[in-house]
Amino acid sequence: MSTKLARAILFLSSYAPLALIFAALFAGGRPIAALVNLGVATLSLLGLAVFFLGAHRLAPRQAKIAAVRGRDDQVMSYVMSYLIGFLSVAFSDTRQLLALAAFFLILAYIFVNANIIHVNPTLNLLGYHLYEATLEDGEVYNLIARGRVRRGDTLRFVTVGDDILLRKRA
């Protein structure tokens, strides 16, 4: 899977919960918009599943963690962009919906090109946490992992993006 495609899938999956909320909001008066949001959420979550299955099939590398710091606070900052959909849009006004769509397209471009795929509320909902991990070679990475990660742990991981690692369980 190409890096750009993986980033795009991770971007879409980060908004899957919001798309589901929008689908529920649109269900009463805009059935096509509800179906589009439901489709986006479903496809992005399926894409995320394929992404993780592919990543977990890669041969892992191993290194010892020299230092680690939790970074789930970045996910909370990202969630703030969810609020724009609720604070500024009248869901009955097509022009405002188009403006919101343009906002999300711009956000998608920034997200994919800035390589911030690790900041993803959906991953957090699925039990993953974000860490900043320094490995024994001194290199610093963003680490996506289930469960707690501690200094001194031996980490089995695969690389899923520039400076982004995914912990692989035994």
Protein backbone atom coordinates (compact mmCIF):
# COMPACT_ATOMS: atom_id res chain seq x y z
CA MET A 1 0.00 0.00 0.00
CA SER A 2 1.42 3.38 -0.94
CA THR A 3 2.24 5.86 1.80
CA LYS A 4 -0.19 8.46 0.38
CA LEU A 5 -3.00 5.90 0.20
CA ALA A 6 -2.29 4.73 3.75
CA ARG A 7 -2.34 8.33 4.98
CA ALA A 8 -5.61 8.99 3.16
CA ILE A 9 -7.20 5.88 4.73
CA LEU A 10 -6.00 6.93 8.16
CA PHE A 11 -7.35 10.46 7.63
CA LEU A 12 -10.78 9.18 6.62
CA SER A 13 -10.85 6.74 9.51
CA SER A 14 -10.05 9.56 11.93
CA TYR A 15 -13.38 11.12 10.96
CA ALA A 16 -15.42 7.90 10.92
CA PRO A 17 -17.07 8.68 14.29
CA LEU A 18 -18.05 12.15 13.05
CA ALA A 19 -19.38 10.70 9.78
CA LEU A 20 -21.55 8.32 11.79
CA ILE A 21 -22.87 11.23 13.86
CA PHE A 22 -23.60 13.18 10.67
CA ALA A 23 -25.36 10.14 9.20
CA ALA A 24 -27.66 10.07 12.23
CA LEU A 25 -28.31 13.83 11.99
CA PHE A 26 -29.10 13.63 8.27
CA ALA A 27 -31.23 10.48 8.52
CA GLY A 28 -34.48 12.37 9.05
CA GLY A 29 -34.36 15.01 6.33
CA ARG A 30 -31.46 14.25 3.96
CA PRO A 31 -31.33 10.51 3.31
CA ILE A 32 -28.70 10.79 0.55
CA ALA A 33 -26.37 12.78 2.82
CA ALA A 34 -26.99 10.20 5.56
CA LEU A 35 -26.07 7.35 3.20
CA VAL A 36 -22.95 9.17 1.95
CA ASN A 37 -21.74 9.71 5.53
CA LEU A 38 -22.55 6.13 6.47
CA GLY A 39 -20.66 4.94 3.37
CA VAL A 40 -17.62 7.11 4.16
CA ALA A 41 -17.53 5.79 7.73
CA THR A 42 -17.91 2.18 6.64
CA LEU A 43 -15.33 2.35 3.85
CA SER A 44 -12.81 4.18 6.01
CA LEU A 45 -13.14 1.64 8.82
CA LEU A 46 -12.77 -1.22 6.34
CA GLY A 47 -9.71 0.55 4.92
CA LEU A 48 -8.31 0.88 8.44
CA ALA A 49 -8.83 -2.85 9.02
CA VAL A 50 -7.02 -3.67 5.76
CA PHE A 51 -4.22 -1.25 6.71
CA PHE A 52 -3.70 -2.93 10.09
CA LEU A 53 -3.89 -6.42 8.64
CA GLY A 54 -1.25 -5.45 6.08
CA ALA A 55 0.97 -3.80 8.70
CA HIS A 56 0.76 -6.81 11.01
CA ARG A 57 1.88 -9.12 8.20
CA LEU A 58 5.17 -7.22 7.87
CA ALA A 59 8.20 -8.72 9.54
CA PRO A 60 8.79 -6.83 12.79
CA ARG A 61 11.99 -5.21 13.93
CA GLN A 62 13.02 -5.03 17.52
CA ALA A 63 14.63 -2.37 19.71
CA LYS A 64 14.77 -1.34 23.33
CA ILE A 65 12.93 1.79 24.45
CA ALA A 66 15.30 4.30 26.06
CA ALA A 67 12.61 6.90 26.86
CA VAL A 68 8.87 7.19 26.34
CA ARG A 69 6.25 9.87 26.77
CA GLY A 70 2.46 9.59 26.32
CA ARG A 71 1.06 11.80 23.55
CA ASP A 72 -2.68 11.10 23.65
CA ASP A 73 -3.10 14.85 24.23
CA GLN A 74 -2.49 15.35 20.49
CA VAL A 75 -5.59 13.28 19.77
CA MET A 76 -7.69 15.56 21.96
CA SER A 77 -6.43 18.62 20.07
CA TYR A 78 -7.40 16.94 16.81
CA VAL A 79 -10.90 16.23 18.09
CA MET A 80 -11.44 19.99 18.34
CA SER A 81 -11.78 20.05 14.54
CA TYR A 82 -14.91 17.93 15.05
CA LEU A 83 -16.55 20.88 16.75
CA ILE A 84 -16.44 23.00 13.61
CA GLY A 85 -19.07 20.72 12.09
CA PHE A 86 -21.45 21.40 14.95
CA LEU A 87 -20.74 25.03 15.80
CA SER A 88 -20.76 26.64 12.39
CA VAL A 89 -23.07 24.71 10.11
CA ALA A 90 -26.80 24.79 9.66
CA PHE A 91 -27.40 21.30 8.34
CA SER A 92 -30.33 22.49 6.24
CA ASP A 93 -28.23 25.08 4.32
CA THR A 94 -26.51 23.54 1.28
CA ARG A 95 -23.96 26.39 0.99
CA GLN A 96 -22.81 25.86 4.56
CA LEU A 97 -22.55 22.12 3.99
CA LEU A 98 -20.40 22.79 0.91
CA ALA A 99 -18.20 25.11 2.97
CA LEU A 100 -17.82 22.37 5.60
CA ALA A 101 -16.92 19.88 2.85
CA ALA A 102 -14.29 22.31 1.53
CA PHE A 103 -12.89 22.65 5.06
CA PHE A 104 -12.57 18.87 5.38
CA LEU A 105 -10.88 18.61 1.97
CA ILE A 106 -8.31 21.21 3.04
CA LEU A 107 -7.86 19.40 6.35
CA ALA A 108 -7.40 16.11 4.45
CA TYR A 109 -4.69 17.64 2.27
CA ILE A 110 -2.83 18.99 5.31
CA PHE A 111 -3.26 15.74 7.26
CA VAL A 112 -1.98 13.53 4.44
CA ASN A 113 0.95 15.75 3.48
CA ALA A 114 2.05 16.64 7.02
CA ASN A 115 2.39 12.95 7.94
CA ILE A 116 0.31 13.18 11.09
CA ILE A 117 -1.48 9.89 10.50
CA HIS A 118 -0.73 8.81 14.03
CA VAL A 119 -3.10 11.47 15.45
CA ASN A 120 -6.36 9.59 15.03
CA PRO A 121 -9.31 9.53 17.46
CA THR A 122 -10.63 6.30 15.92
CA LEU A 123 -7.40 4.51 16.86
CA ASN A 124 -7.86 5.80 20.39
CA LEU A 125 -11.44 4.48 20.44
CA LEU A 126 -10.05 1.10 19.33
CA GLY A 127 -7.70 1.00 22.32
CA TYR A 128 -4.51 2.35 20.74
CA HIS A 129 -2.42 5.06 22.39
CA LEU A 130 0.11 7.49 21.01
CA TYR A 131 3.61 7.73 22.45
CA GLU A 132 6.80 9.56 21.65
CA ALA A 133 9.45 6.86 21.98
CA THR A 134 13.21 7.21 21.90
CA LEU A 135 14.86 3.94 20.93
CA GLU A 136 18.24 2.77 22.16
CA ASP A 137 19.90 4.17 19.00
CA GLY A 138 18.72 7.67 20.01
CA GLU A 139 16.14 7.99 17.22
CA VAL A 140 12.77 9.46 18.25
CA TYR A 141 9.54 8.09 16.79
CA ASN A 142 5.81 8.42 17.15
CA LEU A 143 4.61 5.06 18.40
CA ILE A 144 1.09 3.68 18.09
CA ALA A 145 0.56 0.90 20.61
CA ARG A 146 -2.11 -0.97 22.47
CA GLY A 147 -1.52 -1.10 26.17
CA ARG A 148 1.13 0.59 28.22
CA VAL A 149 4.67 1.18 26.97
CA ARG A 150 7.52 1.73 29.44
CA ARG A 151 11.15 2.73 29.32
CA GLY A 152 13.29 -0.39 29.14
CA ASP A 153 10.67 -2.44 27.27
CA THR A 154 11.84 -4.37 24.25
CA LEU A 155 9.66 -3.16 21.43
CA ARG A 156 8.61 -5.25 18.43
CA PHE A 157 7.39 -2.87 15.73
CA VAL A 158 6.75 -2.20 12.08
CA THR A 159 7.18 1.14 10.35
CA VAL A 160 3.87 2.55 9.05
CA GLY A 161 4.98 6.05 8.03
CA ASP A 162 7.83 8.50 8.24
CA ASP A 163 8.99 8.31 11.87
CA ILE A 164 5.83 6.40 12.84
CA LEU A 165 5.96 2.93 14.36
CA LEU A 166 3.20 0.45 15.15
CA ARG A 167 3.84 -1.87 18.08
CA LYS A 168 3.43 -5.49 17.19
CA ARG A 169 2.35 -7.87 19.90
CA ALA A 170 3.90 -11.32 20.14
